[in-house]
Structure formats: C-alpha cells, structure tokens
Amino acid sequence: LTHKHKKNLRKGLRLLALAPELEQAKRWSDLVRGTLNTAEKAQRWIPNETVVSLKSKRPPAYLRKKLGSSKVQLLLDSEMRELTKFLNINVKKRVRSTNERIFTKELSSQRDFLDSIEKSPLTEEQARSVICYDNRVQVVAAAGSGKTSVMVARAGYALKKGFTSPNK
C-alpha cells in the first residue's frame, strides 16, 4: 500500500471504531430534533417532563468529550462534525425557545377563543397559563383576578386542541 492508502485505511478503521458512538449521537439528535419539530408543527407546548426525558437520554459526557476531541473531529465529515456539536446543546434553552414560538403563534391563532372564555378577554399572562400546557402549572393570584377563568380556559383549550376528550 502507498502511504496515502495506509493513511486512508487508518482513518477508515478509526471511523469504523467510532460507529456505535456516532450512531448513539445520531439517535439522540434525531429524537431531540423530532420532538421540537413535531411540537412546533402541532403547535403543542413541550412539557417539562419531556425536557427531563430528553436530557436523561443524552449520550454521556465522556462520549460527548470523545466525539468532540480534535483528533476525532479531523476524521469526520461536516455533517458528522455538526452532529457532535449538537450533543452539547442546552436542551432546556432550545425547548424554551421553541415553546416561546409556539406561544406566540397560539396567542395569535387562539385569540378569538381566549377573548370569549368569560365576559372579559384573558390577559396575556392568563393566556400563557392556558397555552403553557405543561403537566404542572401553578396559578397564584389575588381573589377575583381570573384564576377560575384560566382553569375554564385550560379545560376548553385542551378539548379544542384534542389533548383530551370531554369524558376525561
């Protein structure tokens, strides 16, 4: 073999040895991206439990460090380098950003609904409590400020969006 062929063979063998780690990184990346894209397409809030689940499935730190090393990065093509960078994203921040876009769109598209729940339209803060369809939302406010209206709106929103059925 020529020197160039030996070098390419060594590189190929190193890449082959990294295949399981790269596959694990790809699966996690696909899971996160799929979760974000699905939520945004469906205009459905991503709850905190999903963030916790995504973070728990992230490849371990030693693997992220290994794939991010300069020696490994030299072996990878641009797509794989981008994949290894994605492993270090701040999942919570990315979900927060996606949820904010969902909130903005839902606030606009559901305005008629939010304005007609009670005799007074819901404020933006109340609307956030409705659209933020997390499993646990604590609404703390003074008497007569619209807490019941928010809870009625959440129930109506859940039915309207198909999150649950009326019998539940």
N, C-alpha and C. Protein backbone atom coordinates (compact mmCIF):
# COMPACT_ATOMS: atom_id res chain seq x y z
N LEU A 1 0.83 -1.19 0.00
CA LEU A 1 0.00 0.00 0.00
C LEU A 1 0.87 1.25 0.00
N THR A 2 0.37 2.24 -0.68
CA THR A 2 1.08 3.52 -0.65
C THR A 2 0.84 4.18 0.70
N HIS A 3 1.64 5.17 0.99
CA HIS A 3 1.50 5.91 2.25
C HIS A 3 0.10 6.54 2.34
N LYS A 4 -0.38 7.08 1.24
CA LYS A 4 -1.69 7.71 1.21
C LYS A 4 -2.79 6.67 1.50
N HIS A 5 -2.67 5.49 0.90
CA HIS A 5 -3.66 4.44 1.13
C HIS A 5 -3.64 3.96 2.58
N LYS A 6 -2.42 3.83 3.16
CA LYS A 6 -2.31 3.43 4.56
C LYS A 6 -2.99 4.46 5.46
N LYS A 7 -2.76 5.72 5.17
CA LYS A 7 -3.34 6.81 5.96
C LYS A 7 -4.87 6.76 5.87
N ASN A 8 -5.40 6.57 4.68
CA ASN A 8 -6.85 6.49 4.48
C ASN A 8 -7.44 5.26 5.15
N LEU A 9 -6.70 4.15 5.11
CA LEU A 9 -7.16 2.92 5.75
C LEU A 9 -7.23 3.11 7.27
N ARG A 10 -6.19 3.74 7.84
CA ARG A 10 -6.19 4.01 9.28
C ARG A 10 -7.38 4.90 9.66
N LYS A 11 -7.59 5.93 8.85
CA LYS A 11 -8.72 6.83 9.10
C LYS A 11 -10.04 6.07 9.03
N GLY A 12 -10.19 5.22 8.05
CA GLY A 12 -11.41 4.43 7.90
C GLY A 12 -11.63 3.50 9.07
N LEU A 13 -10.56 2.87 9.56
CA LEU A 13 -10.68 1.98 10.71
C LEU A 13 -11.05 2.75 11.98
N ARG A 14 -10.46 3.94 12.15
CA ARG A 14 -10.82 4.76 13.31
C ARG A 14 -12.30 5.16 13.25
N LEU A 15 -12.74 5.53 12.05
CA LEU A 15 -14.16 5.90 11.89
C LEU A 15 -15.06 4.70 12.17
N LEU A 16 -14.66 3.55 11.71
CA LEU A 16 -15.43 2.34 11.95
C LEU A 16 -15.54 2.06 13.45
N ALA A 17 -14.46 2.28 14.16
CA ALA A 17 -14.46 2.07 15.61
C ALA A 17 -15.39 3.06 16.31
N LEU A 18 -15.60 4.23 15.72
CA LEU A 18 -16.48 5.24 16.30
C LEU A 18 -17.95 5.05 15.93
N ALA A 19 -18.24 4.12 15.05
CA ALA A 19 -19.59 3.95 14.53
C ALA A 19 -20.66 3.81 15.62
N PRO A 20 -20.46 3.00 16.66
CA PRO A 20 -21.50 2.89 17.69
C PRO A 20 -21.77 4.22 18.41
N GLU A 21 -20.70 4.95 18.72
CA GLU A 21 -20.86 6.24 19.39
C GLU A 21 -21.56 7.25 18.49
N LEU A 22 -21.19 7.25 17.21
CA LEU A 22 -21.82 8.17 16.27
C LEU A 22 -23.29 7.82 16.06
N GLU A 23 -23.60 6.53 16.08
CA GLU A 23 -25.00 6.10 15.94
C GLU A 23 -25.81 6.53 17.15
N GLN A 24 -25.23 6.40 18.33
CA GLN A 24 -25.91 6.83 19.56
C GLN A 24 -26.16 8.34 19.51
N ALA A 25 -25.18 9.09 19.06
CA ALA A 25 -25.32 10.55 18.94
C ALA A 25 -26.41 10.90 17.94
N LYS A 26 -26.44 10.17 16.82
CA LYS A 26 -27.44 10.44 15.78
C LYS A 26 -28.85 10.15 16.29
N ARG A 27 -29.02 9.05 17.00
CA ARG A 27 -30.34 8.71 17.54
C ARG A 27 -30.85 9.80 18.49
N TRP A 28 -29.95 10.28 19.36
CA TRP A 28 -30.35 11.32 20.31
C TRP A 28 -30.67 12.62 19.59
N SER A 29 -29.83 12.96 18.64
CA SER A 29 -30.06 14.18 17.85
C SER A 29 -31.40 14.10 17.13
N ASP A 30 -31.68 12.96 16.52
CA ASP A 30 -32.96 12.76 15.82
C ASP A 30 -34.13 12.87 16.79
N LEU A 31 -33.97 12.32 17.99
CA LEU A 31 -35.03 12.37 19.00
C LEU A 31 -35.32 13.83 19.39
N VAL A 32 -34.28 14.59 19.68
CA VAL A 32 -34.47 15.98 20.10
C VAL A 32 -35.06 16.80 18.96
N ARG A 33 -34.45 16.70 17.79
CA ARG A 33 -34.95 17.48 16.65
C ARG A 33 -36.39 17.08 16.30
N GLY A 34 -36.67 15.80 16.35
CA GLY A 34 -38.03 15.32 16.05
C GLY A 34 -39.04 15.84 17.05
N THR A 35 -38.67 15.83 18.32
CA THR A 35 -39.56 16.33 19.37
C THR A 35 -39.86 17.81 19.15
N LEU A 36 -38.82 18.59 18.88
CA LEU A 36 -39.00 20.03 18.66
C LEU A 36 -39.84 20.30 17.42
N ASN A 37 -39.53 19.60 16.33
CA ASN A 37 -40.27 19.82 15.07
C ASN A 37 -41.73 19.39 15.19
N THR A 38 -41.98 18.25 15.81
CA THR A 38 -43.34 17.77 15.97
C THR A 38 -44.17 18.74 16.81
N ALA A 39 -43.59 19.21 17.90
CA ALA A 39 -44.30 20.16 18.77
C ALA A 39 -44.63 21.45 18.02
N GLU A 40 -43.66 21.93 17.25
CA GLU A 40 -43.89 23.19 16.55
C GLU A 40 -44.93 23.02 15.43
N LYS A 41 -44.88 21.92 14.73
CA LYS A 41 -45.88 21.67 13.68
C LYS A 41 -47.27 21.54 14.27
N ALA A 42 -47.38 20.83 15.39
CA ALA A 42 -48.68 20.61 16.02
C ALA A 42 -49.10 21.80 16.90
N GLN A 43 -48.20 22.76 17.08
CA GLN A 43 -48.44 23.88 17.98
C GLN A 43 -48.84 23.37 19.36
N ARG A 44 -48.04 22.43 19.84
CA ARG A 44 -48.29 21.83 21.15
C ARG A 44 -47.11 22.07 22.06
N TRP A 45 -47.37 22.69 23.18
CA TRP A 45 -46.37 23.02 24.19
C TRP A 45 -45.56 21.79 24.58
N ILE A 46 -44.25 21.96 24.73
CA ILE A 46 -43.38 20.85 25.17
C ILE A 46 -43.28 20.93 26.69
N PRO A 47 -43.81 19.93 27.40
CA PRO A 47 -43.81 19.99 28.86
C PRO A 47 -42.43 19.70 29.46
N ASN A 48 -42.28 20.08 30.71
CA ASN A 48 -41.02 19.90 31.42
C ASN A 48 -40.60 18.43 31.49
N GLU A 49 -41.56 17.51 31.61
CA GLU A 49 -41.23 16.09 31.66
C GLU A 49 -40.48 15.65 30.40
N THR A 50 -40.84 16.24 29.27
CA THR A 50 -40.16 15.91 28.01
C THR A 50 -38.73 16.40 28.05
N VAL A 51 -38.51 17.59 28.60
CA VAL A 51 -37.15 18.13 28.73
C VAL A 51 -36.31 17.20 29.59
N VAL A 52 -36.87 16.78 30.71
CA VAL A 52 -36.15 15.87 31.62
C VAL A 52 -35.83 14.56 30.90
N SER A 53 -36.79 14.04 30.15
CA SER A 53 -36.60 12.79 29.41
C SER A 53 -35.50 12.94 28.36
N LEU A 54 -35.54 14.02 27.60
CA LEU A 54 -34.51 14.24 26.56
C LEU A 54 -33.13 14.36 27.18
N LYS A 55 -33.05 15.08 28.29
CA LYS A 55 -31.75 15.25 28.95
C LYS A 55 -31.23 13.92 29.49
N SER A 56 -32.14 13.08 29.97
CA SER A 56 -31.71 11.80 30.54
C SER A 56 -31.22 10.83 29.46
N LYS A 57 -31.67 11.03 28.24
CA LYS A 57 -31.27 10.14 27.14
C LYS A 57 -30.05 10.65 26.38
N ARG A 58 -29.56 11.84 26.74
CA ARG A 58 -28.38 12.39 26.07
C ARG A 58 -27.19 11.46 26.29
N PRO A 59 -26.39 11.25 25.25
CA PRO A 59 -25.19 10.43 25.44
C PRO A 59 -24.34 10.98 26.59
N PRO A 60 -23.65 10.11 27.31
CA PRO A 60 -22.89 10.56 28.49
C PRO A 60 -21.77 11.54 28.13
N ALA A 61 -21.35 12.29 29.13
CA ALA A 61 -20.35 13.35 28.96
C ALA A 61 -19.04 12.80 28.37
N TYR A 62 -18.61 11.62 28.82
CA TYR A 62 -17.35 11.08 28.30
C TYR A 62 -17.43 10.85 26.79
N LEU A 63 -18.61 10.43 26.33
CA LEU A 63 -18.80 10.19 24.90
C LEU A 63 -18.81 11.52 24.14
N ARG A 64 -19.49 12.52 24.69
CA ARG A 64 -19.52 13.84 24.05
C ARG A 64 -18.11 14.42 23.97
N LYS A 65 -17.33 14.20 25.02
CA LYS A 65 -15.95 14.70 25.04
C LYS A 65 -15.11 13.97 23.99
N LYS A 66 -15.28 12.66 23.93
CA LYS A 66 -14.53 11.84 22.97
C LYS A 66 -14.85 12.27 21.54
N LEU A 67 -16.14 12.41 21.23
CA LEU A 67 -16.54 12.79 19.87
C LEU A 67 -16.17 14.23 19.54
N GLY A 68 -16.02 15.05 20.57
CA GLY A 68 -15.66 16.45 20.35
C GLY A 68 -14.16 16.70 20.29
N SER A 69 -13.36 15.66 20.54
CA SER A 69 -11.90 15.86 20.55
C SER A 69 -11.41 16.24 19.15
N SER A 70 -10.34 17.00 19.12
CA SER A 70 -9.81 17.48 17.83
C SER A 70 -9.37 16.33 16.93
N LYS A 71 -8.83 15.24 17.51
CA LYS A 71 -8.41 14.09 16.70
C LYS A 71 -9.61 13.46 15.99
N VAL A 72 -10.70 13.29 16.73
CA VAL A 72 -11.90 12.69 16.15
C VAL A 72 -12.52 13.64 15.12
N GLN A 73 -12.56 14.92 15.44
CA GLN A 73 -13.18 15.90 14.53
C GLN A 73 -12.50 15.89 13.17
N LEU A 74 -11.19 15.65 13.15
CA LEU A 74 -10.46 15.60 11.88
C LEU A 74 -10.89 14.42 11.01
N LEU A 75 -11.41 13.38 11.63
CA LEU A 75 -11.84 12.19 10.89
C LEU A 75 -13.23 12.36 10.28
N LEU A 76 -14.00 13.29 10.82
CA LEU A 76 -15.42 13.39 10.46
C LEU A 76 -15.68 14.34 9.30
N ASP A 77 -16.75 14.05 8.57
CA ASP A 77 -17.18 14.99 7.54
C ASP A 77 -17.99 16.10 8.23
N SER A 78 -18.37 17.11 7.48
CA SER A 78 -19.04 18.28 8.07
C SER A 78 -20.36 17.91 8.75
N GLU A 79 -21.10 16.97 8.17
CA GLU A 79 -22.38 16.56 8.77
C GLU A 79 -22.15 15.92 10.13
N MET A 80 -21.15 15.07 10.23
CA MET A 80 -20.86 14.40 11.50
C MET A 80 -20.28 15.38 12.52
N ARG A 81 -19.49 16.35 12.07
CA ARG A 81 -18.97 17.37 13.00
C ARG A 81 -20.14 18.17 13.58
N GLU A 82 -21.11 18.51 12.73
CA GLU A 82 -22.29 19.25 13.19
C GLU A 82 -23.08 18.41 14.19
N LEU A 83 -23.18 17.13 13.93
CA LEU A 83 -23.87 16.21 14.84
C LEU A 83 -23.20 16.21 16.21
N THR A 84 -21.88 16.13 16.24
CA THR A 84 -21.18 16.09 17.53
C THR A 84 -21.31 17.42 18.27
N LYS A 85 -21.40 18.52 17.56
CA LYS A 85 -21.64 19.81 18.21
C LYS A 85 -23.03 19.85 18.83
N PHE A 86 -24.00 19.26 18.14
CA PHE A 86 -25.38 19.25 18.63
C PHE A 86 -25.50 18.55 19.98
N LEU A 87 -24.62 17.60 20.25
CA LEU A 87 -24.67 16.87 21.51
C LEU A 87 -24.54 17.78 22.73
N ASN A 88 -23.96 18.96 22.52
CA ASN A 88 -23.71 19.86 23.64
C ASN A 88 -24.73 20.99 23.75
N ILE A 89 -25.84 20.89 23.01
CA ILE A 89 -26.84 21.97 23.09
C ILE A 89 -27.45 22.01 24.49
N ASN A 90 -27.96 23.15 24.82
CA ASN A 90 -28.71 23.32 26.06
C ASN A 90 -30.16 22.97 25.73
N VAL A 91 -30.56 21.77 26.09
CA VAL A 91 -31.89 21.26 25.73
C VAL A 91 -32.98 22.15 26.31
N LYS A 92 -32.83 22.53 27.56
CA LYS A 92 -33.85 23.35 28.21
C LYS A 92 -34.02 24.69 27.48
N LYS A 93 -32.92 25.28 27.11
CA LYS A 93 -32.96 26.56 26.39
C LYS A 93 -33.60 26.39 25.01
N ARG A 94 -33.25 25.32 24.33
CA ARG A 94 -33.81 25.06 23.00
C ARG A 94 -35.32 24.84 23.09
N VAL A 95 -35.77 24.09 24.09
CA VAL A 95 -37.20 23.85 24.28
C VAL A 95 -37.90 25.16 24.65
N ARG A 96 -37.28 25.94 25.52
CA ARG A 96 -37.86 27.23 25.91
C ARG A 96 -38.07 28.12 24.69
N SER A 97 -37.09 28.14 23.81
CA SER A 97 -37.19 28.93 22.58
C SER A 97 -38.32 28.42 21.68
N THR A 98 -38.42 27.10 21.54
CA THR A 98 -39.48 26.51 20.74
C THR A 98 -40.84 26.80 21.36
N ASN A 99 -40.94 26.65 22.67
CA ASN A 99 -42.20 26.93 23.36
C ASN A 99 -42.60 28.40 23.21
N GLU A 100 -41.64 29.28 23.20
CA GLU A 100 -41.95 30.70 23.03
C GLU A 100 -42.54 30.97 21.65
N ARG A 101 -41.99 30.32 20.62
CA ARG A 101 -42.56 30.46 19.27
C ARG A 101 -43.96 29.88 19.21
N ILE A 102 -44.15 28.74 19.87
CA ILE A 102 -45.48 28.12 19.92
C ILE A 102 -46.46 29.06 20.62
N PHE A 103 -46.04 29.64 21.74
CA PHE A 103 -46.91 30.55 22.48
C PHE A 103 -47.32 31.74 21.61
N THR A 104 -46.36 32.33 20.94
CA THR A 104 -46.65 33.50 20.10
C THR A 104 -47.67 33.16 19.01
N LYS A 105 -47.47 32.02 18.35
CA LYS A 105 -48.40 31.62 17.29
C LYS A 105 -49.77 31.26 17.86
N GLU A 106 -49.79 30.54 18.97
CA GLU A 106 -51.06 30.15 19.59
C GLU A 106 -51.82 31.36 20.11
N LEU A 107 -51.11 32.30 20.68
CA LEU A 107 -51.75 33.51 21.19
C LEU A 107 -52.49 34.22 20.06
N SER A 108 -51.86 34.24 18.91
CA SER A 108 -52.48 34.88 17.74
C SER A 108 -53.64 34.04 17.19
N SER A 109 -53.38 32.75 16.97
CA SER A 109 -54.40 31.92 16.33
C SER A 109 -55.59 31.60 17.25
N GLN A 110 -55.39 31.66 18.55
CA GLN A 110 -56.46 31.33 19.50
C GLN A 110 -57.06 32.57 20.15
N ARG A 111 -56.74 33.74 19.62
CA ARG A 111 -57.19 34.99 20.23
C ARG A 111 -58.70 35.04 20.41
N ASP A 112 -59.47 34.67 19.38
CA ASP A 112 -60.93 34.70 19.50
C ASP A 112 -61.41 33.82 20.64
N PHE A 113 -60.85 32.63 20.75
CA PHE A 113 -61.20 31.71 21.83
C PHE A 113 -60.84 32.32 23.18
N LEU A 114 -59.62 32.82 23.32
CA LEU A 114 -59.15 33.37 24.59
C LEU A 114 -59.93 34.62 25.00
N ASP A 115 -60.43 35.34 24.01
CA ASP A 115 -61.20 36.56 24.29
C ASP A 115 -62.65 36.26 24.68
N SER A 116 -63.10 35.04 24.42
CA SER A 116 -64.52 34.74 24.63
C SER A 116 -64.78 33.74 25.77
N ILE A 117 -63.78 33.41 26.54
CA ILE A 117 -63.94 32.45 27.64
C ILE A 117 -64.92 32.97 28.68
N GLU A 118 -64.74 34.19 29.09
CA GLU A 118 -65.59 34.83 30.08
C GLU A 118 -66.01 36.18 29.50
N LYS A 119 -66.64 36.99 30.29
CA LYS A 119 -67.07 38.29 29.77
C LYS A 119 -65.89 39.20 29.46
N SER A 120 -64.77 39.00 30.15
CA SER A 120 -63.56 39.80 29.88
C SER A 120 -62.53 38.91 29.18
N PRO A 121 -61.86 39.44 28.14
CA PRO A 121 -60.80 38.65 27.48
C PRO A 121 -59.68 38.32 28.46
N LEU A 122 -59.03 37.20 28.25
CA LEU A 122 -57.89 36.84 29.09
C LEU A 122 -56.72 37.78 28.79
N THR A 123 -55.98 38.12 29.83
CA THR A 123 -54.77 38.91 29.63
C THR A 123 -53.69 38.01 29.02
N GLU A 124 -52.59 38.60 28.59
CA GLU A 124 -51.50 37.79 28.02
C GLU A 124 -50.96 36.82 29.05
N GLU A 125 -50.85 37.26 30.29
CA GLU A 125 -50.35 36.39 31.35
C GLU A 125 -51.31 35.22 31.59
N GLN A 126 -52.61 35.49 31.59
CA GLN A 126 -53.58 34.42 31.74
C GLN A 126 -53.54 33.48 30.54
N ALA A 127 -53.44 34.05 29.35
CA ALA A 127 -53.36 33.24 28.13
C ALA A 127 -52.13 32.33 28.17
N ARG A 128 -51.02 32.82 28.70
CA ARG A 128 -49.81 32.00 28.82
C ARG A 128 -50.08 30.79 29.71
N SER A 129 -50.84 30.99 30.78
CA SER A 129 -51.18 29.88 31.68
C SER A 129 -52.06 28.85 30.99
N VAL A 130 -52.81 29.28 30.00
CA VAL A 130 -53.67 28.36 29.24
C VAL A 130 -52.84 27.61 28.20
N ILE A 131 -52.08 28.36 27.42
CA ILE A 131 -51.32 27.78 26.30
C ILE A 131 -50.14 26.95 26.80
N CYS A 132 -49.55 27.36 27.91
CA CYS A 132 -48.45 26.62 28.53
C CYS A 132 -49.04 25.34 29.07
N TYR A 133 -49.27 24.40 28.18
CA TYR A 133 -49.98 23.19 28.58
C TYR A 133 -49.00 22.18 29.16
N ASP A 134 -48.33 22.59 30.21
CA ASP A 134 -47.43 21.71 30.94
C ASP A 134 -48.27 20.89 31.91
N ASN A 135 -47.73 19.82 32.43
CA ASN A 135 -48.49 18.97 33.33
C ASN A 135 -48.73 19.64 34.68
N ARG A 136 -47.85 20.55 35.04
CA ARG A 136 -48.00 21.25 36.31
C ARG A 136 -47.84 22.75 36.08
N VAL A 137 -48.92 23.46 36.29
CA VAL A 137 -48.87 24.92 36.20
C VAL A 137 -49.51 25.46 37.47
N GLN A 138 -48.79 26.30 38.17
CA GLN A 138 -49.32 26.87 39.39
C GLN A 138 -49.78 28.29 39.07
N VAL A 139 -51.04 28.56 39.36
CA VAL A 139 -51.60 29.88 39.13
C VAL A 139 -51.85 30.51 40.49
N VAL A 140 -51.09 31.56 40.79
CA VAL A 140 -51.21 32.26 42.07
C VAL A 140 -51.61 33.69 41.75
N ALA A 141 -52.75 34.10 42.30
CA ALA A 141 -53.22 35.46 42.06
C ALA A 141 -54.22 35.83 43.14
N ALA A 142 -54.50 37.11 43.22
CA ALA A 142 -55.44 37.63 44.21
C ALA A 142 -56.86 37.19 43.87
N ALA A 143 -57.71 37.28 44.87
CA ALA A 143 -59.13 36.95 44.69
C ALA A 143 -59.74 37.84 43.61
N GLY A 144 -60.54 37.23 42.74
CA GLY A 144 -61.22 38.00 41.70
C GLY A 144 -60.37 38.37 40.51
N SER A 145 -59.18 37.78 40.42
CA SER A 145 -58.26 38.17 39.33
C SER A 145 -58.40 37.29 38.09
N GLY A 146 -59.20 36.23 38.16
CA GLY A 146 -59.45 35.42 36.97
C GLY A 146 -58.84 34.03 36.99
N LYS A 147 -58.51 33.50 38.17
CA LYS A 147 -57.94 32.15 38.25
C LYS A 147 -58.93 31.11 37.71
N THR A 148 -60.18 31.24 38.07
CA THR A 148 -61.19 30.29 37.60
C THR A 148 -61.34 30.39 36.09
N SER A 149 -61.30 31.60 35.57
CA SER A 149 -61.38 31.79 34.10
C SER A 149 -60.22 31.08 33.41
N VAL A 150 -59.06 31.15 34.01
CA VAL A 150 -57.88 30.47 33.44
C VAL A 150 -58.10 28.96 33.44
N MET A 151 -58.62 28.43 34.52
CA MET A 151 -58.84 26.98 34.60
C MET A 151 -59.92 26.53 33.62
N VAL A 152 -60.97 27.34 33.46
CA VAL A 152 -62.02 27.03 32.49
C VAL A 152 -61.41 27.07 31.07
N ALA A 153 -60.59 28.08 30.83
CA ALA A 153 -59.95 28.22 29.51
C ALA A 153 -59.00 27.05 29.24
N ARG A 154 -58.27 26.61 30.24
CA ARG A 154 -57.36 25.45 30.06
C ARG A 154 -58.15 24.21 29.67
N ALA A 155 -59.27 24.00 30.34
CA ALA A 155 -60.10 22.83 30.02
C ALA A 155 -60.64 22.96 28.59
N GLY A 156 -61.14 24.14 28.24
CA GLY A 156 -61.66 24.37 26.89
C GLY A 156 -60.58 24.24 25.83
N TYR A 157 -59.39 24.75 26.13
CA TYR A 157 -58.25 24.68 25.21
C TYR A 157 -57.85 23.22 24.98
N ALA A 158 -57.82 22.44 26.05
CA ALA A 158 -57.46 21.02 25.95
C ALA A 158 -58.44 20.29 25.05
N LEU A 159 -59.71 20.59 25.19
CA LEU A 159 -60.73 19.96 24.35
C LEU A 159 -60.61 20.43 22.90
N LYS A 160 -60.46 21.74 22.73
CA LYS A 160 -60.38 22.32 21.39
C LYS A 160 -59.18 21.78 20.61
N LYS A 161 -58.06 21.62 21.29
CA LYS A 161 -56.83 21.14 20.63
C LYS A 161 -56.77 19.61 20.52
N GLY A 162 -57.73 18.94 21.15
CA GLY A 162 -57.75 17.48 21.09
C GLY A 162 -56.77 16.81 22.03
N PHE A 163 -56.33 17.52 23.09
CA PHE A 163 -55.40 16.95 24.06
C PHE A 163 -56.09 15.91 24.93
N THR A 164 -57.39 16.03 25.05
CA THR A 164 -58.17 15.11 25.87
C THR A 164 -59.59 15.07 25.32
N SER A 165 -60.37 14.14 25.82
CA SER A 165 -61.77 14.04 25.38
C SER A 165 -62.69 14.59 26.47
N PRO A 166 -63.90 15.00 26.12
CA PRO A 166 -64.81 15.58 27.11
C PRO A 166 -65.10 14.65 28.29
N ASN A 167 -65.12 13.36 28.07
CA ASN A 167 -65.42 12.45 29.18
C ASN A 167 -64.28 12.33 30.18
N LYS A 168 -63.12 12.84 29.85
CA LYS A 168 -62.00 12.80 30.78
C LYS A 168 -61.85 14.13 31.48
